[in-house]
Protein backbone atom coordinates (compact mmCIF):
# COMPACT_ATOMS: atom_id res chain seq x y z
CA MET A 1 58.33 65.57 164.71
CA ASP A 2 57.14 62.00 164.11
CA VAL A 3 58.86 58.94 165.58
CA GLU A 4 58.66 55.55 163.89
CA THR A 5 59.36 52.39 165.91
CA PHE A 6 60.79 49.19 164.43
CA GLU A 7 60.58 46.44 167.05
CA ASN A 8 62.51 43.31 166.03
CA ASP A 9 62.57 44.55 162.43
CA PRO A 10 66.11 45.61 161.51
CA ARG A 11 65.43 45.23 157.79
CA ALA A 12 62.67 47.83 157.79
CA PHE A 13 64.82 50.11 159.92
CA CYS A 14 67.72 49.83 157.46
CA ASP A 15 65.43 50.57 154.54
CA THR A 16 64.28 53.76 156.25
CA ALA A 17 67.39 54.90 158.14
CA LEU A 18 70.43 54.00 156.02
CA PRO A 19 70.14 56.92 153.58
CA PHE A 20 70.21 59.26 156.59
CA LEU A 21 72.87 57.39 158.56
CA THR A 22 75.29 57.09 155.67
CA GLU A 23 75.40 60.88 155.29
CA ALA A 24 77.77 60.66 158.29
CA GLU A 25 78.88 57.09 157.69
CA ALA A 26 81.98 56.94 159.88
CA GLU A 27 80.28 58.74 162.77
CA ASN A 28 77.33 56.30 162.57
CA ASN A 29 79.42 53.14 162.13
CA LEU A 30 77.90 51.52 165.21
CA LEU A 31 74.25 51.93 164.17
CA ILE A 32 74.94 51.08 160.52
CA GLY A 33 77.14 48.08 161.25
CA VAL A 34 74.96 46.47 163.90
CA SER A 35 71.61 47.06 162.19
CA SER A 36 72.94 45.86 158.82
CA ARG A 37 74.30 42.67 160.37
CA LEU A 38 71.03 42.01 162.16
CA ALA A 39 69.08 42.65 158.95
CA ALA A 40 71.24 40.16 157.06
CA GLU A 41 70.98 37.52 159.79
CA HIS A 42 67.39 38.18 160.87
CA SER A 43 65.34 35.13 161.85
CA THR A 44 62.62 34.20 164.33
CA ASP A 45 65.22 33.49 167.03
CA SER A 46 67.14 36.76 166.59
CA PRO A 47 67.74 38.74 169.82
CA GLN A 48 65.22 41.36 170.84
CA SER A 49 65.90 44.72 169.23
CA PHE A 50 64.33 48.16 169.04
CA PHE A 51 65.03 50.79 166.41
CA TRP A 52 63.63 54.28 165.95
CA THR A 53 63.73 56.98 163.30
CA VAL A 54 62.61 60.57 163.82
CA HIS A 55 61.12 62.47 160.91
CA ASP A 56 60.50 66.13 160.22
CA GLY A 57 58.00 65.80 157.41
CA PRO A 58 59.59 63.58 154.73
CA ARG A 59 63.10 64.10 156.13
CA THR A 60 64.75 61.67 158.56
CA CYS A 61 66.68 63.67 161.14
CA GLY A 62 67.61 61.18 163.88
CA ALA A 63 67.85 57.48 164.67
CA GLY A 64 68.31 55.25 167.70
CA MET A 65 68.94 51.59 168.47
CA TRP A 66 68.53 49.49 171.60
CA MET A 67 69.44 45.83 171.93
CA PRO A 68 68.86 44.69 175.53
CA PRO A 69 70.89 44.40 177.69
CA HIS A 70 73.09 46.96 175.90
CA ASP A 71 72.74 50.72 176.09
CA LEU A 72 70.70 52.93 173.79
CA ALA A 73 72.76 54.19 170.84
CA LEU A 74 72.00 57.52 169.17
CA SER A 75 72.86 58.80 165.71
CA HIS A 76 74.77 61.85 164.54
CA PRO A 77 73.34 64.35 163.85
CA PHE A 78 70.43 64.45 166.27
CA PRO A 79 68.69 67.86 166.43
CA ALA A 80 67.29 68.94 169.79
CA ALA A 81 63.66 68.80 168.67
CA ALA A 82 64.10 65.29 167.27
CA LEU A 83 65.81 64.13 170.46
CA ALA A 84 62.97 65.56 172.55
CA ALA A 85 60.43 63.63 170.47
CA LEU A 86 62.34 60.35 170.86
CA SER A 87 62.85 60.90 174.59
CA GLU A 88 59.15 61.51 175.12
CA LEU A 89 58.23 58.31 173.28
CA LEU A 90 60.74 56.17 175.19
CA VAL A 91 59.45 57.52 178.49
CA GLN A 92 55.94 56.51 177.42
CA MET A 93 57.20 53.02 176.47
CA ARG A 94 58.64 52.59 180.00
CA LEU A 95 61.77 50.88 178.72
CA ALA A 96 64.40 49.81 181.26
CA LEU A 97 67.32 51.44 179.51
CA PRO A 98 70.64 50.77 181.29
CA GLY A 99 72.40 53.72 179.64
CA VAL A 100 72.93 55.77 176.51
CA LEU A 101 75.82 56.19 174.07
CA GLY A 102 75.94 58.85 171.40
CA PRO A 103 77.32 62.20 170.28
CA ASP A 104 78.26 64.19 173.37
CA TYR A 105 75.52 66.78 172.85
CA ALA A 106 72.79 64.18 172.23
CA ALA A 107 73.78 61.72 174.97
CA ARG A 108 74.07 64.53 177.53
CA GLU A 109 70.63 65.89 176.65
CA PHE A 110 68.99 62.46 176.60
CA ALA A 111 70.52 61.54 179.98
CA ALA A 112 69.19 64.78 181.47
CA LYS A 113 65.70 64.03 180.17
CA TRP A 114 65.83 60.38 181.29
CA THR A 115 66.66 61.20 184.92
CA VAL A 116 63.35 63.04 185.13
CA THR A 117 61.64 59.63 184.83
CA GLY A 118 62.81 58.69 188.32
CA ILE A 119 66.27 57.29 187.58
CA PRO A 120 68.31 58.64 190.52
CA LYS A 121 71.43 59.47 188.52
CA ALA A 122 72.97 59.37 185.06
CA ASP A 123 76.66 58.60 185.51
CA LEU A 124 79.02 59.82 182.77
CA TRP A 125 80.78 56.48 182.56
CA ARG A 126 83.15 57.19 179.68
CA ARG A 127 84.12 59.93 177.24
CA GLU A 128 84.91 58.48 173.85
CA ARG A 129 86.11 59.75 170.50
CA ILE A 130 85.45 58.39 167.02
CA TYR A 131 88.36 58.52 164.59
CA ARG A 132 88.41 58.06 160.83
CA LEU A 133 91.38 57.00 158.72
CA GLN A 134 91.59 57.38 154.96
CA ARG A 135 95.35 57.12 154.50
CA VAL A 136 97.91 55.31 156.65
CA GLU A 137 100.94 57.39 157.51
CA PRO A 138 104.26 55.66 156.71
CA LEU A 139 105.83 54.62 160.00
CA PRO A 140 108.82 52.45 160.91
CA LEU A 141 107.32 49.28 162.36
CA THR A 142 108.68 47.18 165.18
CA PRO A 143 110.09 43.73 164.27
CA GLY A 144 107.53 41.07 163.50
CA ARG A 145 104.66 40.50 161.11
CA MET A 146 100.87 40.49 161.13
CA MET A 147 99.12 37.16 160.86
CA ARG A 148 95.51 36.05 161.00
CA ALA A 149 94.52 34.43 164.29
CA GLU A 150 93.42 30.80 163.99
CA GLY A 151 91.63 28.30 166.18
CA GLU A 152 94.92 27.18 167.71
CA HIS A 153 95.31 30.63 169.24
CA VAL A 154 92.04 30.61 171.19
CA ALA A 155 93.53 29.37 174.47
CA GLY A 156 96.30 31.97 174.44
CA LEU A 157 94.13 34.89 173.34
CA THR A 158 91.16 34.26 175.65
CA PRO A 159 92.92 35.92 178.65
CA TRP A 160 93.70 38.90 176.38
CA VAL A 161 90.03 39.33 175.51
CA ASP A 162 89.14 38.91 179.20
CA ASP A 163 91.55 41.73 180.09
CA PHE A 164 90.35 43.89 177.18
CA LEU A 165 86.73 43.59 178.33
CA ARG A 166 87.75 44.26 181.92
CA GLU A 167 89.74 47.36 180.95
CA THR A 168 86.95 48.71 178.74
CA GLY A 169 84.20 47.81 181.21
CA GLU A 170 82.19 45.86 178.67
CA ASN A 171 79.87 43.09 179.88
CA GLU A 172 80.40 40.52 177.14
CA GLN A 173 81.39 36.86 176.88
CA SER A 174 85.06 36.78 175.88
CA LEU A 175 85.05 33.30 174.37
CA ALA A 176 82.03 34.10 172.18
CA ILE A 177 83.64 37.33 170.94
CA LEU A 178 86.96 35.62 170.28
CA SER A 179 85.45 32.58 168.56
CA ALA A 180 83.29 34.75 166.29
CA ALA A 181 86.20 37.01 165.34
CA ILE A 182 88.46 34.06 164.50
CA ALA A 183 85.73 32.16 162.64
CA GLY A 184 85.03 35.27 160.57
CA GLY A 185 88.70 35.80 159.76
CA ARG A 186 88.53 39.21 161.43
CA LEU A 187 91.14 38.89 164.20
CA PHE A 188 94.85 39.46 163.62
CA VAL A 189 97.90 39.31 165.85
CA TRP A 190 101.35 40.84 165.61
CA TRP A 191 103.76 37.92 165.69
CA ASN A 192 107.29 38.35 167.04
CA GLY A 193 108.17 34.78 167.87
CA LYS A 194 104.77 34.59 169.54
CA PRO A 195 101.57 36.69 169.55
CA VAL A 196 102.40 40.04 171.21
CA SER A 197 99.40 42.24 170.25
CA MET A 198 96.04 41.92 168.53
CA ALA A 199 93.44 43.90 166.60
CA ALA A 200 90.29 43.01 164.69
CA TRP A 201 87.89 44.50 162.20
CA ALA A 202 84.12 44.52 162.59
CA ARG A 203 80.89 46.25 161.60
CA PRO A 204 81.44 46.86 157.88
CA THR A 205 79.50 49.79 156.44
CA PRO A 206 78.87 50.55 152.75
CA ASN A 207 82.25 52.27 152.36
CA GLY A 208 84.19 51.50 155.52
CA VAL A 209 84.86 49.23 158.44
CA CYS A 210 85.53 49.55 162.19
CA VAL A 211 88.78 48.49 163.88
CA ASN A 212 88.37 47.13 167.40
CA LEU A 213 89.68 44.64 169.97
CA VAL A 214 93.04 46.42 170.03
CA TYR A 215 94.98 44.97 172.94
CA THR A 216 98.57 44.35 174.03
CA PRO A 217 99.29 42.48 177.27
CA PRO A 218 101.05 44.64 179.89
CA GLU A 219 104.39 42.84 179.61
CA GLU A 220 104.57 43.62 175.86
CA ARG A 221 103.53 47.27 175.96
CA ARG A 222 105.63 50.30 174.95
CA ARG A 223 107.38 48.31 172.23
CA GLY A 224 105.32 49.51 169.25
CA TYR A 225 103.38 46.28 168.77
CA ALA A 226 99.91 47.88 168.87
CA THR A 227 101.02 50.55 166.40
CA ALA A 228 102.34 47.84 164.10
CA VAL A 229 99.25 45.65 164.10
CA VAL A 230 96.75 48.53 163.81
CA SER A 231 98.77 50.23 161.05
CA THR A 232 99.18 47.02 159.06
CA LEU A 233 95.57 45.93 159.53
CA SER A 234 94.31 49.38 158.53
CA SER A 235 96.48 49.33 155.40
CA MET A 236 95.11 45.91 154.49
CA LEU A 237 91.50 47.04 154.94
CA LEU A 238 91.97 50.16 152.83
CA GLY A 239 93.81 48.10 150.23
CA GLN A 240 90.73 45.91 149.87
CA GLY A 241 88.83 48.90 148.46
CA ARG A 242 87.35 50.50 151.55
CA SER A 243 87.29 54.30 151.71
CA PHE A 244 87.93 54.53 155.43
CA CYS A 245 88.49 52.75 158.73
CA ALA A 246 86.89 54.01 161.93
CA LEU A 247 87.47 53.29 165.60
CA TYR A 248 86.41 54.37 169.07
CA THR A 249 88.86 55.43 171.77
CA ASP A 250 88.58 56.14 175.47
CA LEU A 251 89.57 59.79 175.95
CA SER A 252 91.03 58.98 179.37
CA ASN A 253 93.81 57.02 177.61
CA PRO A 254 96.16 59.57 176.00
CA THR A 255 98.57 56.85 174.88
CA SER A 256 96.13 55.11 172.55
CA ASN A 257 94.72 58.41 171.24
CA SER A 258 98.22 59.59 170.36
CA MET A 259 99.09 56.27 168.72
CA TYR A 260 96.05 56.29 166.45
CA GLN A 261 96.77 59.84 165.32
CA ARG A 262 100.36 58.93 164.42
CA ILE A 263 98.97 56.16 162.21
CA GLY A 264 96.72 58.66 160.44
CA TYR A 265 93.42 58.45 162.30
CA VAL A 266 91.66 61.82 162.50
CA PRO A 267 89.15 62.72 165.27
CA ILE A 268 85.67 63.32 163.89
CA LEU A 269 83.20 63.10 166.81
CA ASP A 270 83.25 63.04 170.60
CA CYS A 271 80.77 60.74 172.30
CA TYR A 272 79.50 60.41 175.85
CA HIS A 273 78.53 57.08 177.38
CA TYR A 274 76.19 57.34 180.35
CA ARG A 275 75.09 54.55 182.66
CA PHE A 276 71.80 54.96 184.53
CA LEU A 277 72.10 54.17 188.24
CA ARG A 278 69.01 52.81 189.94
């Protein structure tokens, strides 16, 4: 197995890895979406990034991405021999990885190998599931309508993004996320006299797109608002010519997993997210 490193070169990584990654496009939506965006935006002041591909002769059989301070992300599939080759290289590079996210089998194996380097413990921080939707199931929707979020909504939606990041444990800047989503026309709210739920799209891939930032404030929950906004947004995205929508869920939340399946999302891959404790 040979490992190729692309440091701060997302364009070269995309040229090499996209044919492999798009064979499981929905499962690899994170790697495809992020690397493609970085390749399109790449400049001298772009954030530091590392990408890897693993090759068995002429065939690419695995890929990884690390953008400090985020966790290492691994592709699907990732054969054991390819994962061993990547793990060995990253140990030699002495990278300060904070964690790893990937298919359950690959993340579990990588975390086991990484603890040998002296990291005291790999904590299984979250079990996640990737869903894919190709057809929205017809559902009766709660009163209201979907509307695109605008600049005037920033003040009201900022606490929602704060709570979303707190609930999901993500270390991001809420105002930056919110401002970018609104500026890009990617954030939508369900309006029932006022905003009562939100959802966004992100990380477009050649044939699909990811749905994220799904959040309803506690006082508005159990009224069908999240179902309404996700269903309507997903229908809009498919209606624009995309073949599928994808999303990640936290497997510890049975309510959201059940909701997405009612809409028509089908589970396609379980992922493990480990954090390395020092």
